[in-house]
Amino acid sequence: MKRKFEYYVKRALGELPAEFKEKMDNLVISVEEYPSRYDLTSLGIKDKRMLLGIFRGVPFGIVSSFYSGPVMPSEIVLFQRNIESIAKTEVELIEQIRLTLLHEIGHYFGMSEEELAQYT
């Protein structure tokens, strides 16, 4: 099932608005089964099932302003089992992957929840 999930993630990436795709740089998108204990505690989340995705790293625009030299890529992680647990159908799964990915990309770009709402 992981291969199918990753396929849906790649498909969602391909369907991103052009203004996102054109600016995404030094960013890795990956899939993990569940969030780590560190992820949960850093966000103050007690129930691991509540976290669908996470942005780890330096937001877009900050690297060029404050850093010099090579910088590790930022990362967006989607938590497969958590997303699957809230989707009842394959259509819902595809949509939840899209929404979660958009949400985390919004964090990469430093967008507020209100700004993100126009894309979801």
N, C-alpha and C. Protein backbone atom coordinates (compact mmCIF):
# COMPACT_ATOMS: atom_id res chain seq x y z
N MET A 1 0.81 -1.20 0.00
CA MET A 1 0.00 0.00 0.00
C MET A 1 0.85 1.27 0.00
N LYS A 2 2.11 1.17 0.50
CA LYS A 2 2.95 2.36 0.54
C LYS A 2 3.22 2.89 -0.87
N ARG A 3 3.42 2.01 -1.83
CA ARG A 3 3.70 2.46 -3.20
C ARG A 3 2.51 3.23 -3.77
N LYS A 4 1.31 2.74 -3.50
CA LYS A 4 0.11 3.41 -3.99
C LYS A 4 -0.04 4.78 -3.32
N PHE A 5 0.19 4.83 -2.03
CA PHE A 5 0.13 6.08 -1.29
C PHE A 5 1.14 7.08 -1.86
N GLU A 6 2.37 6.63 -2.08
CA GLU A 6 3.40 7.50 -2.64
C GLU A 6 3.02 7.97 -4.05
N TYR A 7 2.37 7.11 -4.81
CA TYR A 7 1.88 7.51 -6.13
C TYR A 7 0.89 8.66 -6.00
N TYR A 8 -0.03 8.57 -5.04
CA TYR A 8 -1.01 9.63 -4.83
C TYR A 8 -0.33 10.93 -4.39
N VAL A 9 0.73 10.81 -3.60
CA VAL A 9 1.48 12.00 -3.18
C VAL A 9 2.12 12.65 -4.41
N LYS A 10 2.74 11.85 -5.26
CA LYS A 10 3.37 12.40 -6.47
C LYS A 10 2.32 13.05 -7.38
N ARG A 11 1.19 12.43 -7.47
CA ARG A 11 0.10 12.99 -8.28
C ARG A 11 -0.35 14.34 -7.72
N ALA A 12 -0.48 14.40 -6.39
CA ALA A 12 -0.87 15.66 -5.75
C ALA A 12 0.18 16.74 -5.97
N LEU A 13 1.44 16.37 -5.94
CA LEU A 13 2.52 17.32 -6.21
C LEU A 13 2.40 17.88 -7.62
N GLY A 14 2.09 17.01 -8.56
CA GLY A 14 1.94 17.44 -9.95
C GLY A 14 0.77 18.38 -10.17
N GLU A 15 -0.21 18.32 -9.29
CA GLU A 15 -1.41 19.15 -9.41
C GLU A 15 -1.36 20.44 -8.60
N LEU A 16 -0.23 20.70 -7.97
CA LEU A 16 -0.08 21.92 -7.17
C LEU A 16 -0.24 23.16 -8.05
N PRO A 17 -0.73 24.26 -7.47
CA PRO A 17 -0.77 25.52 -8.21
C PRO A 17 0.63 25.91 -8.70
N ALA A 18 0.70 26.47 -9.89
CA ALA A 18 1.98 26.83 -10.49
C ALA A 18 2.81 27.74 -9.58
N GLU A 19 2.15 28.67 -8.88
CA GLU A 19 2.91 29.59 -8.02
C GLU A 19 3.65 28.87 -6.90
N PHE A 20 3.18 27.69 -6.50
CA PHE A 20 3.90 26.89 -5.51
C PHE A 20 5.05 26.15 -6.18
N LYS A 21 4.75 25.43 -7.25
CA LYS A 21 5.76 24.60 -7.91
C LYS A 21 6.96 25.40 -8.36
N GLU A 22 6.73 26.61 -8.85
CA GLU A 22 7.81 27.44 -9.37
C GLU A 22 8.78 27.87 -8.29
N LYS A 23 8.33 27.97 -7.05
CA LYS A 23 9.16 28.49 -5.97
C LYS A 23 9.72 27.42 -5.04
N MET A 24 9.22 26.20 -5.15
CA MET A 24 9.70 25.15 -4.24
C MET A 24 11.14 24.79 -4.58
N ASP A 25 12.01 24.92 -3.59
CA ASP A 25 13.43 24.67 -3.80
C ASP A 25 14.01 24.09 -2.52
N ASN A 26 14.92 23.15 -2.69
CA ASN A 26 15.61 22.54 -1.55
C ASN A 26 14.60 21.97 -0.56
N LEU A 27 13.61 21.26 -1.09
CA LEU A 27 12.52 20.70 -0.30
C LEU A 27 12.31 19.25 -0.68
N VAL A 28 12.26 18.39 0.32
CA VAL A 28 12.04 16.96 0.13
C VAL A 28 10.64 16.63 0.63
N ILE A 29 9.90 15.83 -0.13
CA ILE A 29 8.59 15.34 0.30
C ILE A 29 8.76 13.86 0.57
N SER A 30 8.37 13.42 1.77
CA SER A 30 8.51 12.00 2.10
C SER A 30 7.27 11.49 2.84
N VAL A 31 7.22 10.18 2.98
CA VAL A 31 6.11 9.50 3.65
C VAL A 31 6.67 8.65 4.77
N GLU A 32 6.09 8.78 5.95
CA GLU A 32 6.41 7.92 7.08
C GLU A 32 5.11 7.33 7.60
N GLU A 33 5.19 6.19 8.26
CA GLU A 33 3.97 5.57 8.76
C GLU A 33 3.29 6.43 9.81
N TYR A 34 4.05 6.82 10.84
CA TYR A 34 3.52 7.60 11.96
C TYR A 34 4.52 8.68 12.34
N PRO A 35 4.07 9.72 13.02
CA PRO A 35 5.01 10.73 13.52
C PRO A 35 5.88 10.16 14.63
N SER A 36 7.07 10.72 14.75
CA SER A 36 7.97 10.30 15.81
C SER A 36 7.54 10.93 17.13
N ARG A 37 8.06 10.42 18.21
CA ARG A 37 7.80 11.00 19.53
C ARG A 37 8.29 12.46 19.55
N TYR A 38 9.42 12.71 18.92
CA TYR A 38 9.95 14.07 18.85
C TYR A 38 8.98 15.00 18.13
N ASP A 39 8.43 14.55 17.00
CA ASP A 39 7.46 15.37 16.26
C ASP A 39 6.29 15.74 17.16
N LEU A 40 5.77 14.77 17.86
CA LEU A 40 4.60 14.99 18.71
C LEU A 40 4.90 15.95 19.85
N THR A 41 6.00 15.72 20.55
CA THR A 41 6.31 16.57 21.69
C THR A 41 6.67 17.98 21.25
N SER A 42 7.35 18.11 20.11
CA SER A 42 7.71 19.46 19.65
C SER A 42 6.49 20.29 19.30
N LEU A 43 5.38 19.62 18.94
CA LEU A 43 4.14 20.32 18.61
C LEU A 43 3.12 20.29 19.75
N GLY A 44 3.46 19.61 20.83
CA GLY A 44 2.54 19.52 21.96
C GLY A 44 1.33 18.64 21.70
N ILE A 45 1.51 17.62 20.87
CA ILE A 45 0.41 16.72 20.51
C ILE A 45 0.59 15.42 21.29
N LYS A 46 -0.46 14.99 21.95
CA LYS A 46 -0.38 13.76 22.76
C LYS A 46 -0.81 12.51 21.98
N ASP A 47 -1.75 12.65 21.07
CA ASP A 47 -2.27 11.51 20.31
C ASP A 47 -1.63 11.48 18.93
N LYS A 48 -0.80 10.47 18.67
CA LYS A 48 -0.07 10.41 17.40
C LYS A 48 -1.00 10.35 16.19
N ARG A 49 -2.23 9.95 16.37
CA ARG A 49 -3.17 9.85 15.25
C ARG A 49 -3.65 11.22 14.78
N MET A 50 -3.40 12.25 15.57
CA MET A 50 -3.89 13.58 15.25
C MET A 50 -3.02 14.34 14.25
N LEU A 51 -1.81 13.87 14.03
CA LEU A 51 -0.88 14.58 13.15
C LEU A 51 -0.84 13.89 11.78
N LEU A 52 -1.26 14.61 10.75
CA LEU A 52 -1.31 14.05 9.39
C LEU A 52 -0.06 14.35 8.60
N GLY A 53 0.59 15.46 8.92
CA GLY A 53 1.80 15.84 8.21
C GLY A 53 2.57 16.86 9.01
N ILE A 54 3.81 17.09 8.60
CA ILE A 54 4.65 18.05 9.31
C ILE A 54 5.64 18.66 8.34
N PHE A 55 5.95 19.93 8.59
CA PHE A 55 7.03 20.61 7.87
C PHE A 55 8.21 20.70 8.82
N ARG A 56 9.35 20.21 8.36
CA ARG A 56 10.57 20.26 9.16
C ARG A 56 11.60 21.06 8.37
N GLY A 57 12.09 22.11 8.96
CA GLY A 57 13.15 22.84 8.27
C GLY A 57 13.00 24.33 8.32
N VAL A 58 13.62 24.98 7.35
CA VAL A 58 13.68 26.42 7.27
C VAL A 58 12.69 26.88 6.20
N PRO A 59 11.77 27.78 6.55
CA PRO A 59 10.79 28.24 5.57
C PRO A 59 11.42 28.92 4.36
N PHE A 60 10.71 28.88 3.27
CA PHE A 60 11.12 29.51 2.02
C PHE A 60 11.46 30.99 2.25
N GLY A 61 12.54 31.45 1.63
CA GLY A 61 12.93 32.84 1.74
C GLY A 61 13.87 33.14 2.89
N ILE A 62 13.85 32.35 3.92
CA ILE A 62 14.72 32.57 5.08
C ILE A 62 16.15 32.17 4.76
N VAL A 63 16.31 31.06 4.05
CA VAL A 63 17.65 30.56 3.75
C VAL A 63 18.46 31.60 3.00
N SER A 64 17.88 32.17 1.95
CA SER A 64 18.65 33.13 1.15
C SER A 64 18.93 34.42 1.92
N SER A 65 18.10 34.75 2.91
CA SER A 65 18.28 35.98 3.65
C SER A 65 19.30 35.88 4.77
N PHE A 66 19.34 34.75 5.46
CA PHE A 66 20.14 34.67 6.67
C PHE A 66 21.25 33.63 6.66
N TYR A 67 21.26 32.74 5.70
CA TYR A 67 22.23 31.66 5.70
C TYR A 67 23.19 31.83 4.54
N SER A 68 24.40 31.37 4.74
CA SER A 68 25.35 31.32 3.63
C SER A 68 25.91 29.91 3.59
N GLY A 69 26.26 29.47 2.43
CA GLY A 69 26.78 28.13 2.27
C GLY A 69 25.66 27.12 2.11
N PRO A 70 26.03 25.86 2.02
CA PRO A 70 25.01 24.82 1.80
C PRO A 70 24.10 24.64 3.01
N VAL A 71 22.84 24.37 2.73
CA VAL A 71 21.84 24.18 3.78
C VAL A 71 21.13 22.86 3.50
N MET A 72 20.93 22.10 4.55
CA MET A 72 20.18 20.84 4.40
C MET A 72 18.79 21.17 3.87
N PRO A 73 18.25 20.27 3.04
CA PRO A 73 16.90 20.55 2.53
C PRO A 73 15.86 20.51 3.64
N SER A 74 14.84 21.32 3.47
CA SER A 74 13.68 21.24 4.35
C SER A 74 12.88 20.01 3.92
N GLU A 75 11.97 19.58 4.77
CA GLU A 75 11.23 18.35 4.49
C GLU A 75 9.77 18.49 4.88
N ILE A 76 8.93 17.96 4.03
CA ILE A 76 7.52 17.79 4.35
C ILE A 76 7.30 16.29 4.45
N VAL A 77 6.71 15.87 5.56
CA VAL A 77 6.43 14.45 5.77
C VAL A 77 4.93 14.27 5.90
N LEU A 78 4.40 13.32 5.15
CA LEU A 78 3.00 12.92 5.30
C LEU A 78 2.98 11.61 6.06
N PHE A 79 2.09 11.51 7.03
CA PHE A 79 2.01 10.31 7.87
C PHE A 79 0.90 9.41 7.33
N GLN A 80 1.35 8.40 6.63
CA GLN A 80 0.46 7.54 5.86
C GLN A 80 -0.65 6.91 6.69
N ARG A 81 -0.32 6.27 7.77
CA ARG A 81 -1.34 5.56 8.56
C ARG A 81 -2.39 6.51 9.14
N ASN A 82 -1.97 7.69 9.54
CA ASN A 82 -2.92 8.66 10.10
C ASN A 82 -3.86 9.17 9.02
N ILE A 83 -3.33 9.44 7.85
CA ILE A 83 -4.18 9.90 6.74
C ILE A 83 -5.13 8.79 6.32
N GLU A 84 -4.63 7.58 6.22
CA GLU A 84 -5.49 6.45 5.83
C GLU A 84 -6.60 6.22 6.85
N SER A 85 -6.31 6.48 8.12
CA SER A 85 -7.30 6.19 9.17
C SER A 85 -8.52 7.11 9.10
N ILE A 86 -8.39 8.27 8.47
CA ILE A 86 -9.54 9.17 8.41
C ILE A 86 -10.23 9.14 7.06
N ALA A 87 -9.66 8.44 6.10
CA ALA A 87 -10.27 8.34 4.77
C ALA A 87 -11.04 7.03 4.66
N LYS A 88 -12.32 7.15 4.34
CA LYS A 88 -13.16 5.95 4.23
C LYS A 88 -13.11 5.32 2.84
N THR A 89 -12.78 6.13 1.84
CA THR A 89 -12.73 5.65 0.46
C THR A 89 -11.42 6.09 -0.18
N GLU A 90 -11.15 5.54 -1.34
CA GLU A 90 -9.94 5.93 -2.07
C GLU A 90 -10.03 7.39 -2.51
N VAL A 91 -11.20 7.84 -2.87
CA VAL A 91 -11.39 9.24 -3.26
C VAL A 91 -11.09 10.16 -2.08
N GLU A 92 -11.56 9.80 -0.90
CA GLU A 92 -11.27 10.59 0.31
C GLU A 92 -9.78 10.56 0.63
N LEU A 93 -9.13 9.43 0.42
CA LEU A 93 -7.70 9.30 0.67
C LEU A 93 -6.92 10.26 -0.24
N ILE A 94 -7.25 10.26 -1.51
CA ILE A 94 -6.58 11.14 -2.47
C ILE A 94 -6.78 12.59 -2.09
N GLU A 95 -7.99 12.95 -1.70
CA GLU A 95 -8.28 14.32 -1.31
C GLU A 95 -7.56 14.70 -0.03
N GLN A 96 -7.50 13.80 0.94
CA GLN A 96 -6.82 14.12 2.20
C GLN A 96 -5.32 14.26 1.98
N ILE A 97 -4.74 13.47 1.12
CA ILE A 97 -3.33 13.63 0.78
C ILE A 97 -3.11 15.01 0.18
N ARG A 98 -3.97 15.41 -0.76
CA ARG A 98 -3.86 16.72 -1.40
C ARG A 98 -3.95 17.85 -0.37
N LEU A 99 -4.94 17.76 0.51
CA LEU A 99 -5.13 18.81 1.52
C LEU A 99 -3.97 18.87 2.50
N THR A 100 -3.49 17.73 2.94
CA THR A 100 -2.38 17.69 3.89
C THR A 100 -1.12 18.24 3.25
N LEU A 101 -0.86 17.84 2.02
CA LEU A 101 0.31 18.34 1.30
C LEU A 101 0.23 19.86 1.13
N LEU A 102 -0.91 20.36 0.72
CA LEU A 102 -1.08 21.81 0.57
C LEU A 102 -0.85 22.54 1.90
N HIS A 103 -1.38 21.98 2.96
CA HIS A 103 -1.23 22.57 4.29
C HIS A 103 0.26 22.68 4.67
N GLU A 104 0.98 21.61 4.48
CA GLU A 104 2.40 21.61 4.86
C GLU A 104 3.23 22.49 3.93
N ILE A 105 2.89 22.54 2.66
CA ILE A 105 3.58 23.44 1.74
C ILE A 105 3.32 24.88 2.16
N GLY A 106 2.12 25.13 2.64
CA GLY A 106 1.81 26.46 3.17
C GLY A 106 2.74 26.83 4.32
N HIS A 107 3.04 25.87 5.19
CA HIS A 107 3.99 26.14 6.28
C HIS A 107 5.38 26.43 5.70
N TYR A 108 5.77 25.71 4.67
CA TYR A 108 7.05 25.95 4.00
C TYR A 108 7.12 27.40 3.50
N PHE A 109 6.01 27.91 2.97
CA PHE A 109 5.97 29.27 2.46
C PHE A 109 5.62 30.31 3.54
N GLY A 110 5.41 29.85 4.77
CA GLY A 110 5.12 30.77 5.87
C GLY A 110 3.72 31.35 5.82
N MET A 111 2.78 30.64 5.20
CA MET A 111 1.41 31.13 5.05
C MET A 111 0.59 30.89 6.31
N SER A 112 -0.35 31.77 6.54
CA SER A 112 -1.28 31.62 7.66
C SER A 112 -2.38 30.64 7.26
N GLU A 113 -3.14 30.21 8.25
CA GLU A 113 -4.27 29.30 7.98
C GLU A 113 -5.28 29.98 7.04
N GLU A 114 -5.47 31.27 7.21
CA GLU A 114 -6.41 32.01 6.35
C GLU A 114 -5.92 32.05 4.91
N GLU A 115 -4.63 32.27 4.73
CA GLU A 115 -4.07 32.29 3.38
C GLU A 115 -4.17 30.91 2.72
N LEU A 116 -3.98 29.87 3.52
CA LEU A 116 -4.08 28.50 3.00
C LEU A 116 -5.48 28.15 2.57
N ALA A 117 -6.47 28.73 3.22
CA ALA A 117 -7.87 28.38 2.94
C ALA A 117 -8.25 28.63 1.48
N GLN A 118 -7.61 29.56 0.81
CA GLN A 118 -7.95 29.82 -0.58
C GLN A 118 -7.52 28.69 -1.52
N TYR A 119 -6.65 27.81 -1.06
CA TYR A 119 -6.16 26.71 -1.89
C TYR A 119 -6.84 25.38 -1.56
N THR A 120 -7.58 25.34 -0.49
CA THR A 120 -8.18 24.05 -0.08
C THR A 120 -9.68 24.04 -0.32
